[in-house]
């Protein structure tokens, strides 16, 4: 009998459990979908205690410590904001890791420089912050779901690369 293939959230949960890592989320364009996807996994409560939905710039500043100057200079949808969100969430939640999203899910709000579908994902760990830039296609919901999958894939990649570098 063939083994059931694990979902990305199940893979991430197993890695978090294996290495006894806690994680937090801070989400803008995904609006809690990353946290909600992690919570699909039974037993995740031992690794996931809290998450933040920081849709407004004010919330990013107040809850995550994102600098007002960063938001003014680069905007909410930027590598710099994703990096500060990731570091701030990890610190605020006293977590080993954080995963964050900020982007333009559409269908409106895009510009030539920052098109609809642009999403920055940030993952903070003891080895620093990794930020990825993506442009996803599709409806608002499709962009958001693609961002969730890419975010969890980034967490998996960061955990695996941290474990290799620690050996």
C-alpha atoms as a PDB file:
ATOM      1  CA  UNK A   1       0.000   0.000   0.000  1.00  0.00           C
ATOM      2  CA  UNK A   2       1.296   3.421  -1.010  1.00  0.00           C
ATOM      3  CA  UNK A   3       1.990   5.929   1.769  1.00  0.00           C
ATOM      4  CA  UNK A   4      -0.105   9.092   1.745  1.00  0.00           C
ATOM      5  CA  UNK A   5       1.891  12.047   0.496  1.00  0.00           C
ATOM      6  CA  UNK A   6       2.281  14.766   3.123  1.00  0.00           C
ATOM      7  CA  UNK A   7       0.946  18.267   2.576  1.00  0.00           C
ATOM      8  CA  UNK A   8       3.426  21.131   2.823  1.00  0.00           C
ATOM      9  CA  UNK A   9       1.956  22.129   6.194  1.00  0.00           C
ATOM     10  CA  UNK A  10       2.409  18.560   7.487  1.00  0.00           C
ATOM     11  CA  UNK A  11       6.031  18.550   6.294  1.00  0.00           C
ATOM     12  CA  UNK A  12       6.680  21.890   8.024  1.00  0.00           C
ATOM     13  CA  UNK A  13       4.987  20.704  11.228  1.00  0.00           C
ATOM     14  CA  UNK A  14       7.139  17.562  11.265  1.00  0.00           C
ATOM     15  CA  UNK A  15      10.322  19.604  10.813  1.00  0.00           C
ATOM     16  CA  UNK A  16       9.320  22.082  13.525  1.00  0.00           C
ATOM     17  CA  UNK A  17       8.600  19.170  15.859  1.00  0.00           C
ATOM     18  CA  UNK A  18      11.772  17.270  14.942  1.00  0.00           C
ATOM     19  CA  UNK A  19      13.995  20.265  15.729  1.00  0.00           C
ATOM     20  CA  UNK A  20      11.798  21.596  18.574  1.00  0.00           C
ATOM     21  CA  UNK A  21      11.314  24.970  16.907  1.00  0.00           C
ATOM     22  CA  UNK A  22       8.517  27.415  17.598  1.00  0.00           C
ATOM     23  CA  UNK A  23       7.076  29.540  14.799  1.00  0.00           C
ATOM     24  CA  UNK A  24       4.936  32.646  14.474  1.00  0.00           C
ATOM     25  CA  UNK A  25       3.256  34.272  11.492  1.00  0.00           C
ATOM     26  CA  UNK A  26       2.763  37.916  10.512  1.00  0.00           C
ATOM     27  CA  UNK A  27       0.544  38.379   7.515  1.00  0.00           C
ATOM     28  CA  UNK A  28      -0.632  41.233   5.401  1.00  0.00           C
ATOM     29  CA  UNK A  29      -1.878  40.107   1.967  1.00  0.00           C
ATOM     30  CA  UNK A  30      -2.566  36.527   3.120  1.00  0.00           C
ATOM     31  CA  UNK A  31      -4.725  37.779   6.004  1.00  0.00           C
ATOM     32  CA  UNK A  32      -4.214  34.787   8.299  1.00  0.00           C
ATOM     33  CA  UNK A  33      -4.174  32.046   5.659  1.00  0.00           C
ATOM     34  CA  UNK A  34      -0.625  30.946   6.545  1.00  0.00           C
ATOM     35  CA  UNK A  35      -1.597  30.557  10.210  1.00  0.00           C
ATOM     36  CA  UNK A  36      -4.864  28.893   9.220  1.00  0.00           C
ATOM     37  CA  UNK A  37      -3.017  26.420   7.009  1.00  0.00           C
ATOM     38  CA  UNK A  38      -0.561  25.537   9.778  1.00  0.00           C
ATOM     39  CA  UNK A  39      -3.498  25.002  12.152  1.00  0.00           C
ATOM     40  CA  UNK A  40      -4.822  22.357   9.735  1.00  0.00           C
ATOM     41  CA  UNK A  41      -2.176  20.079  11.286  1.00  0.00           C
ATOM     42  CA  UNK A  42      -3.211  18.344  14.484  1.00  0.00           C
ATOM     43  CA  UNK A  43      -0.670  18.917  17.256  1.00  0.00           C
ATOM     44  CA  UNK A  44       0.803  22.127  15.793  1.00  0.00           C
ATOM     45  CA  UNK A  45      -0.035  23.954  19.030  1.00  0.00           C
ATOM     46  CA  UNK A  46       3.248  22.746  20.544  1.00  0.00           C
ATOM     47  CA  UNK A  47       5.117  24.715  17.829  1.00  0.00           C
ATOM     48  CA  UNK A  48       2.686  27.540  16.957  1.00  0.00           C
ATOM     49  CA  UNK A  49       1.465  29.820  19.765  1.00  0.00           C
ATOM     50  CA  UNK A  50       0.441  33.035  18.053  1.00  0.00           C
ATOM     51  CA  UNK A  51       0.238  34.937  14.803  1.00  0.00           C
ATOM     52  CA  UNK A  52      -0.367  38.501  13.679  1.00  0.00           C
ATOM     53  CA  UNK A  53      -2.498  39.947  10.905  1.00  0.00           C
ATOM     54  CA  UNK A  54      -0.913  43.314  10.195  1.00  0.00           C
ATOM     55  CA  UNK A  55      -2.867  44.591   7.231  1.00  0.00           C
ATOM     56  CA  UNK A  56      -2.325  48.284   7.943  1.00  0.00           C
ATOM     57  CA  UNK A  57       0.997  50.094   8.099  1.00  0.00           C
ATOM     58  CA  UNK A  58       0.079  51.237  11.616  1.00  0.00           C
ATOM     59  CA  UNK A  59      -0.261  47.598  12.724  1.00  0.00           C
ATOM     60  CA  UNK A  60       3.072  46.693  11.118  1.00  0.00           C
ATOM     61  CA  UNK A  61       4.709  49.487  13.118  1.00  0.00           C
ATOM     62  CA  UNK A  62       2.885  48.900  16.420  1.00  0.00           C
ATOM     63  CA  UNK A  63       2.911  45.085  16.592  1.00  0.00           C
ATOM     64  CA  UNK A  64       6.069  44.191  14.657  1.00  0.00           C
ATOM     65  CA  UNK A  65       8.260  47.251  15.080  1.00  0.00           C
ATOM     66  CA  UNK A  66       8.526  47.991  11.364  1.00  0.00           C
ATOM     67  CA  UNK A  67      10.137  51.404  11.025  1.00  0.00           C
ATOM     68  CA  UNK A  68       7.937  54.265   9.838  1.00  0.00           C
ATOM     69  CA  UNK A  69      10.875  55.390   7.687  1.00  0.00           C
ATOM     70  CA  UNK A  70      11.009  51.986   5.969  1.00  0.00           C
ATOM     71  CA  UNK A  71       7.305  52.142   5.160  1.00  0.00           C
ATOM     72  CA  UNK A  72       7.613  55.740   3.917  1.00  0.00           C
ATOM     73  CA  UNK A  73      10.717  55.055   1.821  1.00  0.00           C
ATOM     74  CA  UNK A  74      10.032  51.604   0.386  1.00  0.00           C
ATOM     75  CA  UNK A  75       6.326  51.014   0.998  1.00  0.00           C
ATOM     76  CA  UNK A  76       4.517  48.159   2.715  1.00  0.00           C
ATOM     77  CA  UNK A  77       5.143  45.865  -0.243  1.00  0.00           C
ATOM     78  CA  UNK A  78       8.940  45.724  -0.262  1.00  0.00           C
ATOM     79  CA  UNK A  79      11.857  43.502   0.613  1.00  0.00           C
ATOM     80  CA  UNK A  80      12.817  45.891   3.412  1.00  0.00           C
ATOM     81  CA  UNK A  81       9.358  45.769   5.024  1.00  0.00           C
ATOM     82  CA  UNK A  82       9.201  41.964   4.761  1.00  0.00           C
ATOM     83  CA  UNK A  83      12.616  41.732   6.441  1.00  0.00           C
ATOM     84  CA  UNK A  84      11.582  44.017   9.316  1.00  0.00           C
ATOM     85  CA  UNK A  85       8.233  42.230   9.676  1.00  0.00           C
ATOM     86  CA  UNK A  86      10.004  38.851   9.945  1.00  0.00           C
ATOM     87  CA  UNK A  87      12.545  40.019  12.522  1.00  0.00           C
ATOM     88  CA  UNK A  88       9.871  41.902  14.473  1.00  0.00           C
ATOM     89  CA  UNK A  89       7.399  39.016  14.552  1.00  0.00           C
ATOM     90  CA  UNK A  90      10.047  36.563  15.740  1.00  0.00           C
ATOM     91  CA  UNK A  91      11.002  38.962  18.524  1.00  0.00           C
ATOM     92  CA  UNK A  92       7.421  39.905  19.515  1.00  0.00           C
ATOM     93  CA  UNK A  93       6.333  36.266  19.781  1.00  0.00           C
ATOM     94  CA  UNK A  94       9.591  35.031  21.368  1.00  0.00           C
ATOM     95  CA  UNK A  95       9.603  32.381  18.631  1.00  0.00           C
ATOM     96  CA  UNK A  96      12.481  30.490  17.046  1.00  0.00           C
ATOM     97  CA  UNK A  97      11.159  31.342  13.583  1.00  0.00           C
ATOM     98  CA  UNK A  98       8.701  33.596  11.818  1.00  0.00           C
ATOM     99  CA  UNK A  99       7.114  33.583   8.386  1.00  0.00           C
ATOM    100  CA  UNK A 100       5.584  36.751   6.975  1.00  0.00           C
ATOM    101  CA  UNK A 101       3.814  37.982   3.857  1.00  0.00           C
ATOM    102  CA  UNK A 102       3.264  41.397   2.323  1.00  0.00           C
ATOM    103  CA  UNK A 103       1.997  41.944  -1.184  1.00  0.00           C
ATOM    104  CA  UNK A 104      -0.640  43.029  -3.668  1.00  0.00           C
ATOM    105  CA  UNK A 105      -3.267  40.317  -4.093  1.00  0.00           C
ATOM    106  CA  UNK A 106      -5.381  42.368  -6.507  1.00  0.00           C
ATOM    107  CA  UNK A 107      -7.412  42.750  -8.514  1.00  0.00           C
ATOM    108  CA  UNK A 108      -6.613  46.445  -7.905  1.00  0.00           C
ATOM    109  CA  UNK A 109      -3.672  48.249  -6.336  1.00  0.00           C
ATOM    110  CA  UNK A 110      -0.891  47.281  -8.717  1.00  0.00           C
ATOM    111  CA  UNK A 111       1.483  49.646 -10.486  1.00  0.00           C
ATOM    112  CA  UNK A 112       4.148  49.147 -13.148  1.00  0.00           C
ATOM    113  CA  UNK A 113       6.815  48.934 -10.407  1.00  0.00           C
ATOM    114  CA  UNK A 114       4.670  46.827  -8.082  1.00  0.00           C
ATOM    115  CA  UNK A 115       2.222  44.748 -10.140  1.00  0.00           C
ATOM    116  CA  UNK A 116      -0.770  42.805  -8.864  1.00  0.00           C
ATOM    117  CA  UNK A 117       0.519  39.424  -7.693  1.00  0.00           C
ATOM    118  CA  UNK A 118       3.766  40.805  -6.223  1.00  0.00           C
ATOM    119  CA  UNK A 119       4.392  39.210  -2.829  1.00  0.00           C
ATOM    120  CA  UNK A 120       7.402  39.393  -0.536  1.00  0.00           C
ATOM    121  CA  UNK A 121       7.820  36.548   1.938  1.00  0.00           C
ATOM    122  CA  UNK A 122      10.199  36.782   4.871  1.00  0.00           C
ATOM    123  CA  UNK A 123      11.412  33.997   7.134  1.00  0.00           C
ATOM    124  CA  UNK A 124      13.444  34.815  10.247  1.00  0.00           C
ATOM    125  CA  UNK A 125      15.443  32.247  12.192  1.00  0.00           C
ATOM    126  CA  UNK A 126      18.530  32.204  14.396  1.00  0.00           C
ATOM    127  CA  UNK A 127      20.565  32.451  11.175  1.00  0.00           C
ATOM    128  CA  UNK A 128      18.990  35.755  10.091  1.00  0.00           C
ATOM    129  CA  UNK A 129      16.201  36.709   7.683  1.00  0.00           C
ATOM    130  CA  UNK A 130      15.591  35.296   4.216  1.00  0.00           C
ATOM    131  CA  UNK A 131      13.312  37.287   1.900  1.00  0.00           C
ATOM    132  CA  UNK A 132      11.857  36.008  -1.359  1.00  0.00           C
ATOM    133  CA  UNK A 133      10.144  38.060  -4.069  1.00  0.00           C
ATOM    134  CA  UNK A 134       7.372  36.375  -6.061  1.00  0.00           C
ATOM    135  CA  UNK A 135       4.893  37.422  -8.706  1.00  0.00           C
ATOM    136  CA  UNK A 136       1.865  35.135  -8.674  1.00  0.00           C
ATOM    137  CA  UNK A 137      -0.839  35.005 -11.331  1.00  0.00           C
ATOM    138  CA  UNK A 138      -4.551  34.480 -10.955  1.00  0.00           C
ATOM    139  CA  UNK A 139      -7.454  35.833  -8.958  1.00  0.00           C
ATOM    140  CA  UNK A 140      -7.058  37.486  -5.562  1.00  0.00           C
ATOM    141  CA  UNK A 141      -7.697  34.154  -3.833  1.00  0.00           C
ATOM    142  CA  UNK A 142      -5.283  32.302  -6.141  1.00  0.00           C
ATOM    143  CA  UNK A 143      -2.527  34.842  -5.443  1.00  0.00           C
ATOM    144  CA  UNK A 144      -3.111  34.481  -1.715  1.00  0.00           C
ATOM    145  CA  UNK A 145      -3.121  30.661  -1.817  1.00  0.00           C
ATOM    146  CA  UNK A 146       0.041  30.624  -3.963  1.00  0.00           C
ATOM    147  CA  UNK A 147       1.680  32.907  -1.390  1.00  0.00           C
ATOM    148  CA  UNK A 148       0.719  30.519   1.434  1.00  0.00           C
ATOM    149  CA  UNK A 149       2.259  27.535  -0.365  1.00  0.00           C
ATOM    150  CA  UNK A 150       5.430  29.484  -1.188  1.00  0.00           C
ATOM    151  CA  UNK A 151       5.656  30.740   2.424  1.00  0.00           C
ATOM    152  CA  UNK A 152       5.489  27.232   3.872  1.00  0.00           C
ATOM    153  CA  UNK A 153       7.984  26.032   1.265  1.00  0.00           C
ATOM    154  CA  UNK A 154      10.315  28.845   2.379  1.00  0.00           C
ATOM    155  CA  UNK A 155       9.989  27.765   6.040  1.00  0.00           C
ATOM    156  CA  UNK A 156      10.877  24.196   5.045  1.00  0.00           C
ATOM    157  CA  UNK A 157      13.875  25.411   3.030  1.00  0.00           C
ATOM    158  CA  UNK A 158      15.155  27.614   5.879  1.00  0.00           C
ATOM    159  CA  UNK A 159      14.836  24.829   8.485  1.00  0.00           C
ATOM    160  CA  UNK A 160      16.630  22.349   6.218  1.00  0.00           C
ATOM    161  CA  UNK A 161      19.442  24.792   5.350  1.00  0.00           C
ATOM    162  CA  UNK A 162      19.865  25.782   9.031  1.00  0.00           C
ATOM    163  CA  UNK A 163      20.174  22.142  10.033  1.00  0.00           C
ATOM    164  CA  UNK A 164      22.792  21.499   7.340  1.00  0.00           C
ATOM    165  CA  UNK A 165      24.809  24.543   8.431  1.00  0.00           C
ATOM    166  CA  UNK A 166      24.633  23.457  12.092  1.00  0.00           C
ATOM    167  CA  UNK A 167      26.175  20.042  11.388  1.00  0.00           C
END
